[in-house]
Amino acid sequence: SVLHRARTTVAKHYAGPQRPAALAPAHDTDAATRHLLNRYVHAWETADIAGLVSLLRDDATLTMPPIPGWYRGAPVIGLLLARGVFIGPSQKTAWRILPTRANGLPALGLYRRLAEDPAAGYQPFALQLVEFDASGQRVAALVNFLNPKLLACFGLPLSLPAN
């Protein structure tokens, strides 16, 4: 009976996490969203950090499960990308991205070519979910699942050729 009363109390007083009104609903990708995604992919693949940051809302967030870190703000995310993702002399050609969908959102398979062995091709890095703001003009949140094996679950290959 204690468990029943607890569940009743929780149901009465706690509505659960609410999706912020600033995020767009999950729906099929329209032309404006595809255009924004194409710009985002191009900026990522060319290591254009300023271009990536310009596509983010000022209060955008980035998470990377299973890492417990949480980053908020376009400048902070830009700094993280500059210091942790896009480092090294060959980063202009080090990334390839394939689109998919996950959790009703546009998602991207991120593949990285290691500078030490460029002939080996591109290896899976992460599955990135991209959430847009209500206007569809800016990226509101990025979630990078740092488990490369997840890509196969979404119909993406586990490697890409070097060319």
Protein backbone atom coordinates (compact mmCIF):
# COMPACT_ATOMS: atom_id res chain seq x y z
CA SER A 1 0.00 0.00 0.00
CA VAL A 2 2.95 2.34 0.60
CA LEU A 3 4.08 1.81 -2.98
CA HIS A 4 0.56 2.52 -4.27
CA ARG A 5 0.33 5.77 -2.27
CA ALA A 6 3.78 6.82 -3.49
CA ARG A 7 2.84 6.22 -7.13
CA THR A 8 -0.41 8.15 -6.66
CA THR A 9 1.45 11.06 -5.05
CA VAL A 10 4.10 11.13 -7.78
CA ALA A 11 1.47 10.97 -10.54
CA LYS A 12 -0.47 13.81 -8.91
CA HIS A 13 2.46 16.18 -8.30
CA TYR A 14 5.04 15.35 -10.94
CA ALA A 15 4.22 15.71 -14.61
CA GLY A 16 7.59 14.37 -15.74
CA PRO A 17 10.16 16.03 -17.95
CA GLN A 18 8.66 18.42 -20.44
CA ARG A 19 10.08 19.00 -23.90
CA PRO A 20 11.09 22.68 -24.06
CA ALA A 21 8.79 24.76 -26.24
CA ALA A 22 11.83 26.09 -28.10
CA LEU A 23 12.52 22.72 -29.74
CA ALA A 24 10.82 21.77 -32.96
CA PRO A 25 8.59 18.69 -32.94
CA ALA A 26 9.97 15.51 -34.44
CA HIS A 27 8.64 15.30 -37.98
CA ASP A 28 9.82 14.44 -41.44
CA THR A 29 12.62 16.59 -42.73
CA ASP A 30 11.30 19.49 -44.81
CA ALA A 31 13.23 21.53 -47.39
CA ALA A 32 14.39 24.17 -44.88
CA THR A 33 15.62 21.49 -42.48
CA ARG A 34 17.42 19.66 -45.27
CA HIS A 35 19.10 22.91 -46.28
CA LEU A 36 20.23 23.56 -42.70
CA LEU A 37 21.46 19.96 -42.37
CA ASN A 38 23.39 20.26 -45.64
CA ARG A 39 25.07 23.44 -44.38
CA TYR A 40 25.84 21.73 -41.08
CA VAL A 41 27.31 18.63 -42.78
CA HIS A 42 29.42 20.78 -45.11
CA ALA A 43 30.77 22.82 -42.19
CA TRP A 44 31.58 19.64 -40.25
CA GLU A 45 33.28 17.91 -43.19
CA THR A 46 35.40 20.98 -43.93
CA ALA A 47 36.23 21.61 -40.26
CA ASP A 48 34.62 25.06 -40.51
CA ILE A 49 34.20 25.72 -36.79
CA ALA A 50 32.96 29.27 -37.31
CA GLY A 51 30.39 27.94 -39.79
CA LEU A 52 29.25 25.28 -37.32
CA VAL A 53 28.95 27.78 -34.49
CA SER A 54 26.92 30.13 -36.70
CA LEU A 55 24.31 27.40 -37.14
CA LEU A 56 23.89 26.89 -33.38
CA ARG A 57 21.53 28.76 -31.10
CA ASP A 58 23.32 30.85 -28.50
CA ASP A 59 22.07 28.45 -25.82
CA ALA A 60 22.60 25.22 -27.80
CA THR A 61 23.61 22.13 -25.85
CA LEU A 62 25.96 19.25 -26.60
CA THR A 63 26.03 15.93 -24.77
CA MET A 64 28.07 12.81 -25.49
CA PRO A 65 26.72 9.71 -23.77
CA PRO A 66 28.26 7.77 -22.06
CA ILE A 67 30.52 10.70 -21.08
CA PRO A 68 28.71 12.61 -18.32
CA GLY A 69 29.78 16.03 -19.65
CA TRP A 70 27.20 18.57 -20.74
CA TYR A 71 28.09 21.71 -22.72
CA ARG A 72 25.89 24.76 -23.20
CA GLY A 73 26.35 27.74 -25.49
CA ALA A 74 27.56 28.08 -29.06
CA PRO A 75 30.96 29.57 -28.03
CA VAL A 76 31.61 26.72 -25.56
CA ILE A 77 30.67 24.10 -28.16
CA GLY A 78 32.90 25.83 -30.71
CA LEU A 79 35.82 25.75 -28.30
CA LEU A 80 35.23 22.06 -27.58
CA LEU A 81 35.19 21.30 -31.31
CA ALA A 82 38.33 23.35 -31.93
CA ARG A 83 40.31 21.75 -29.11
CA GLY A 84 38.95 18.24 -29.04
CA VAL A 85 37.46 17.24 -32.39
CA PHE A 86 39.07 19.24 -35.20
CA ILE A 87 42.72 18.97 -34.27
CA GLY A 88 45.65 17.99 -36.44
CA PRO A 89 46.94 19.00 -39.88
CA SER A 90 44.61 16.84 -41.99
CA GLN A 91 41.28 17.71 -40.39
CA LYS A 92 39.92 19.42 -43.52
CA THR A 93 39.34 15.96 -45.03
CA ALA A 94 39.16 13.85 -41.90
CA TRP A 95 35.36 13.54 -41.61
CA ARG A 96 32.56 12.04 -43.65
CA ILE A 97 28.91 12.10 -42.61
CA LEU A 98 25.95 9.95 -43.62
CA PRO A 99 22.37 10.98 -42.78
CA THR A 100 19.79 8.82 -41.03
CA ARG A 101 17.00 9.28 -38.47
CA ALA A 102 16.87 8.30 -34.80
CA ASN A 103 14.25 8.95 -32.12
CA GLY A 104 12.19 10.81 -34.73
CA LEU A 105 14.99 13.31 -35.32
CA PRO A 106 17.52 13.84 -38.08
CA ALA A 107 20.67 11.95 -37.18
CA LEU A 108 24.14 11.74 -38.67
CA GLY A 109 26.64 8.93 -38.78
CA LEU A 110 30.04 10.53 -38.11
CA TYR A 111 33.07 8.82 -39.64
CA ARG A 112 36.66 9.88 -39.03
CA ARG A 113 39.74 9.18 -41.11
CA LEU A 114 42.76 8.75 -38.89
CA ALA A 115 45.73 10.82 -40.06
CA GLU A 116 48.14 8.01 -39.18
CA ASP A 117 46.61 5.68 -41.80
CA PRO A 118 44.57 7.59 -44.40
CA ALA A 119 44.46 4.55 -46.69
CA ALA A 120 42.42 2.70 -44.08
CA GLY A 121 39.39 4.83 -44.92
CA TYR A 122 36.89 6.34 -42.53
CA GLN A 123 36.06 4.59 -39.27
CA PRO A 124 32.81 5.09 -37.31
CA PHE A 125 33.00 7.69 -34.56
CA ALA A 126 29.51 8.50 -33.31
CA LEU A 127 25.82 8.74 -34.03
CA GLN A 128 24.79 12.39 -33.71
CA LEU A 129 21.18 13.45 -33.17
CA VAL A 130 20.38 16.99 -34.25
CA GLU A 131 17.49 18.96 -32.72
CA PHE A 132 16.34 22.25 -34.23
CA ASP A 133 14.69 25.22 -32.61
CA ALA A 134 11.04 25.99 -33.36
CA SER A 135 11.99 28.32 -36.23
CA GLY A 136 13.98 25.57 -37.95
CA GLN A 137 16.77 28.08 -38.55
CA ARG A 138 19.21 27.02 -35.81
CA VAL A 139 20.48 23.87 -34.14
CA ALA A 140 19.23 23.75 -30.54
CA ALA A 141 20.84 20.53 -29.31
CA LEU A 142 23.38 17.91 -30.37
CA VAL A 143 23.61 14.47 -28.82
CA ASN A 144 26.64 12.43 -29.82
CA PHE A 145 26.34 8.75 -28.95
CA LEU A 146 29.99 7.72 -28.82
CA ASN A 147 29.35 4.05 -29.57
CA PRO A 148 30.42 3.39 -33.17
CA LYS A 149 28.56 0.07 -33.25
CA LEU A 150 25.27 2.01 -33.06
CA LEU A 151 25.66 3.08 -36.69
CA ALA A 152 24.86 -0.43 -37.90
CA CYS A 153 21.56 -0.32 -35.96
CA PHE A 154 20.51 2.58 -38.19
CA GLY A 155 21.49 0.95 -41.48
CA LEU A 156 24.83 2.72 -41.77
CA PRO A 157 28.09 0.96 -42.69
CA LEU A 158 30.83 0.36 -40.12
CA SER A 159 33.47 1.91 -42.39
CA LEU A 160 33.74 4.07 -45.50
CA PRO A 161 36.39 3.85 -48.23
CA ALA A 162 39.23 6.39 -48.29
CA ASN A 163 38.11 8.13 -51.50
